[in-house]
Amino acid sequence: AVVSTQSTGIDKPTNLGGLSRTAEIFGVRQLIVHSLEVLQNKEFRSLSLTSEKWLEVGEVSRDLASVTAYLRHAKEEQGYTVVGVEQATNSIPLQEYQFPERSILVLGREKDGVPAPVLHLLDVCLEIPQTGIIRSLNVHVTGSIAIWEYTRQHLPTATGGA
């Protein structure tokens, strides 16, 4: 599942639409947004290309209490590993991490990142290595790279000879 709510950061319909499209393409089980109303937004729809019709989209309120309760439940009751993407002192380079099958990806607010109460719930914090001067990717791009890495690691292996 991909967690993306206002309190963890993503409120721009274009970013959510792009994440919806990426999530559907790579088989993400569920995209969490702060309000299902965003699915009707023109900017969301221009990037989602109807992906929301083929992807389960759930809603978790914007407030931190709701987000943290959702993540705690997913960890404790459903056995998910909560994986954040954030430039932090304890971050692991994305390419060095093996995603568990049951992972929730938490993406933070652009400029502010993942809020501290949510950071404390992460089982692991990943960072996408960067070499440029800017050192900041758009949240949709960050989410897409992390989703692809999860997908790459969990692709079925081909059997049989060539």
Protein backbone atom coordinates (compact mmCIF):
# COMPACT_ATOMS: atom_id res chain seq x y z
CA ALA A 1 0.00 0.00 0.00
CA VAL A 2 1.11 3.56 -0.52
CA VAL A 3 0.27 6.01 2.25
CA SER A 4 -0.03 9.57 1.07
CA THR A 5 -2.06 11.98 3.13
CA GLN A 6 -2.02 15.69 3.79
CA SER A 7 -0.39 15.21 7.16
CA THR A 8 2.40 13.17 5.65
CA GLY A 9 2.51 15.59 2.84
CA ILE A 10 0.85 14.99 -0.45
CA ASP A 11 -2.04 17.29 -1.14
CA LYS A 12 -1.41 18.49 -4.70
CA PRO A 13 -3.85 16.73 -7.02
CA THR A 14 -1.21 16.45 -9.74
CA ASN A 15 1.17 14.56 -7.43
CA LEU A 16 -1.63 12.30 -6.22
CA GLY A 17 -2.77 11.68 -9.80
CA GLY A 18 0.75 10.77 -10.85
CA LEU A 19 1.12 8.44 -7.86
CA SER A 20 -2.22 6.82 -8.67
CA ARG A 21 -1.04 6.14 -12.21
CA THR A 22 2.30 4.72 -11.05
CA ALA A 23 0.63 2.64 -8.33
CA GLU A 24 -1.83 1.10 -10.78
CA ILE A 25 0.84 0.39 -13.40
CA PHE A 26 3.03 -1.46 -10.88
CA GLY A 27 0.25 -3.30 -9.05
CA VAL A 28 0.18 -1.48 -5.72
CA ARG A 29 -2.63 -2.92 -3.64
CA GLN A 30 -3.97 0.37 -2.28
CA LEU A 31 -3.33 4.11 -2.46
CA ILE A 32 -4.31 6.09 0.64
CA VAL A 33 -5.32 9.73 0.20
CA HIS A 34 -6.57 12.35 2.66
CA SER A 35 -9.94 12.68 0.89
CA LEU A 36 -11.62 10.63 -1.80
CA GLU A 37 -12.90 13.93 -3.21
CA VAL A 38 -9.48 14.37 -4.87
CA LEU A 39 -10.49 11.61 -7.31
CA GLN A 40 -12.93 14.07 -8.91
CA ASN A 41 -10.35 16.84 -9.25
CA LYS A 42 -9.58 17.82 -12.85
CA GLU A 43 -5.81 18.07 -12.22
CA PHE A 44 -5.78 14.66 -10.51
CA ARG A 45 -7.64 13.09 -13.43
CA SER A 46 -5.35 14.67 -16.02
CA LEU A 47 -2.40 12.72 -14.58
CA SER A 48 -4.15 9.61 -13.27
CA LEU A 49 -5.51 8.65 -16.71
CA THR A 50 -8.37 6.70 -15.04
CA SER A 51 -5.95 4.60 -12.93
CA GLU A 52 -8.19 5.22 -9.91
CA LYS A 53 -10.81 3.02 -11.59
CA TRP A 54 -8.46 0.02 -11.47
CA LEU A 55 -6.74 0.73 -8.15
CA GLU A 56 -8.18 0.48 -4.65
CA VAL A 57 -8.08 3.98 -3.16
CA GLY A 58 -8.67 4.47 0.55
CA GLU A 59 -9.05 7.50 2.75
CA VAL A 60 -7.32 8.45 6.00
CA SER A 61 -8.02 11.87 7.47
CA ARG A 62 -5.37 14.60 7.30
CA ASP A 63 -4.76 14.74 11.05
CA LEU A 64 -1.68 13.09 12.52
CA ALA A 65 -3.72 11.07 15.03
CA SER A 66 -5.58 9.33 12.19
CA VAL A 67 -2.41 8.70 10.20
CA THR A 68 -0.50 7.29 13.16
CA ALA A 69 -3.48 5.12 14.18
CA TYR A 70 -3.69 3.75 10.62
CA LEU A 71 0.01 2.93 10.56
CA ARG A 72 -0.02 1.35 14.04
CA HIS A 73 -2.95 -0.85 13.04
CA ALA A 74 -1.23 -1.90 9.81
CA LYS A 75 1.95 -2.80 11.71
CA GLU A 76 0.48 -4.47 14.77
CA GLU A 77 -2.68 -6.07 13.42
CA GLN A 78 -1.85 -6.74 9.77
CA GLY A 79 1.89 -7.40 9.88
CA TYR A 80 3.01 -4.64 7.53
CA THR A 81 6.47 -3.10 7.54
CA VAL A 82 6.21 0.68 7.44
CA VAL A 83 8.81 2.10 5.07
CA GLY A 84 9.39 5.83 4.73
CA VAL A 85 11.38 7.76 2.17
CA GLU A 86 13.15 10.67 3.81
CA GLN A 87 16.59 12.23 3.93
CA ALA A 88 17.44 11.49 7.56
CA THR A 89 20.56 10.55 9.53
CA ASN A 90 19.47 6.91 9.81
CA SER A 91 18.29 6.50 6.21
CA ILE A 92 19.37 3.45 4.23
CA PRO A 93 20.14 3.86 0.51
CA LEU A 94 17.15 2.56 -1.46
CA GLN A 95 19.24 0.13 -3.51
CA GLU A 96 20.55 -1.56 -0.34
CA TYR A 97 17.12 -2.37 1.11
CA GLN A 98 15.12 -5.54 0.53
CA PHE A 99 11.41 -4.71 0.73
CA PRO A 100 9.29 -7.21 2.64
CA GLU A 101 6.27 -8.42 0.66
CA ARG A 102 3.90 -6.64 3.08
CA SER A 103 5.17 -3.06 2.94
CA ILE A 104 3.51 0.30 3.34
CA LEU A 105 5.32 3.20 1.71
CA VAL A 106 5.08 6.53 3.54
CA LEU A 107 5.87 9.67 1.57
CA GLY A 108 6.34 13.06 3.21
CA ARG A 109 5.40 16.61 2.53
CA GLU A 110 7.55 18.36 -0.02
CA LYS A 111 10.04 20.65 1.72
CA ASP A 112 8.98 19.52 5.24
CA GLY A 113 9.26 15.74 4.79
CA VAL A 114 7.66 13.11 7.01
CA PRO A 115 6.39 14.58 10.32
CA ALA A 116 8.24 13.48 13.47
CA PRO A 117 5.32 11.47 14.96
CA VAL A 118 5.16 9.46 11.74
CA LEU A 119 8.96 9.11 11.50
CA HIS A 120 8.88 7.38 14.89
CA LEU A 121 6.52 4.72 13.49
CA LEU A 122 8.72 3.83 10.54
CA ASP A 123 10.36 0.43 10.62
CA VAL A 124 12.92 1.71 8.14
CA CYS A 125 13.73 5.01 6.48
CA LEU A 126 15.07 4.94 2.93
CA GLU A 127 16.85 7.58 0.91
CA ILE A 128 17.25 7.78 -2.84
CA PRO A 129 20.93 8.55 -3.50
CA GLN A 130 21.38 11.82 -5.36
CA THR A 131 24.42 13.54 -6.77
CA GLY A 132 23.03 16.86 -7.98
CA ILE A 133 23.12 20.16 -6.18
CA ILE A 134 19.35 20.42 -5.63
CA ARG A 135 19.08 17.08 -3.74
CA SER A 136 15.31 17.12 -3.71
CA LEU A 137 12.99 15.09 -5.90
CA ASN A 138 9.31 15.81 -6.45
CA VAL A 139 7.25 13.58 -4.14
CA HIS A 140 5.55 11.88 -7.08
CA VAL A 141 8.94 11.04 -8.58
CA THR A 142 10.25 9.81 -5.21
CA GLY A 143 7.19 7.59 -4.76
CA SER A 144 7.49 6.24 -8.28
CA ILE A 145 11.15 5.32 -7.85
CA ALA A 146 10.44 3.54 -4.55
CA ILE A 147 7.41 1.73 -6.00
CA TRP A 148 9.50 0.58 -8.96
CA GLU A 149 12.24 -0.71 -6.66
CA TYR A 150 9.67 -2.69 -4.64
CA THR A 151 8.20 -4.05 -7.88
CA ARG A 152 11.60 -4.94 -9.30
CA GLN A 153 12.46 -6.91 -6.18
CA HIS A 154 9.16 -8.82 -6.25
CA LEU A 155 8.89 -9.58 -9.97
CA PRO A 156 8.26 -13.26 -10.59
CA THR A 157 11.41 -14.99 -11.77
CA ALA A 158 11.25 -16.63 -15.18
CA THR A 159 11.48 -20.41 -15.22
CA GLY A 160 12.55 -22.68 -18.03
CA GLY A 161 15.33 -22.44 -20.56
CA ALA A 162 15.83 -20.08 -23.40
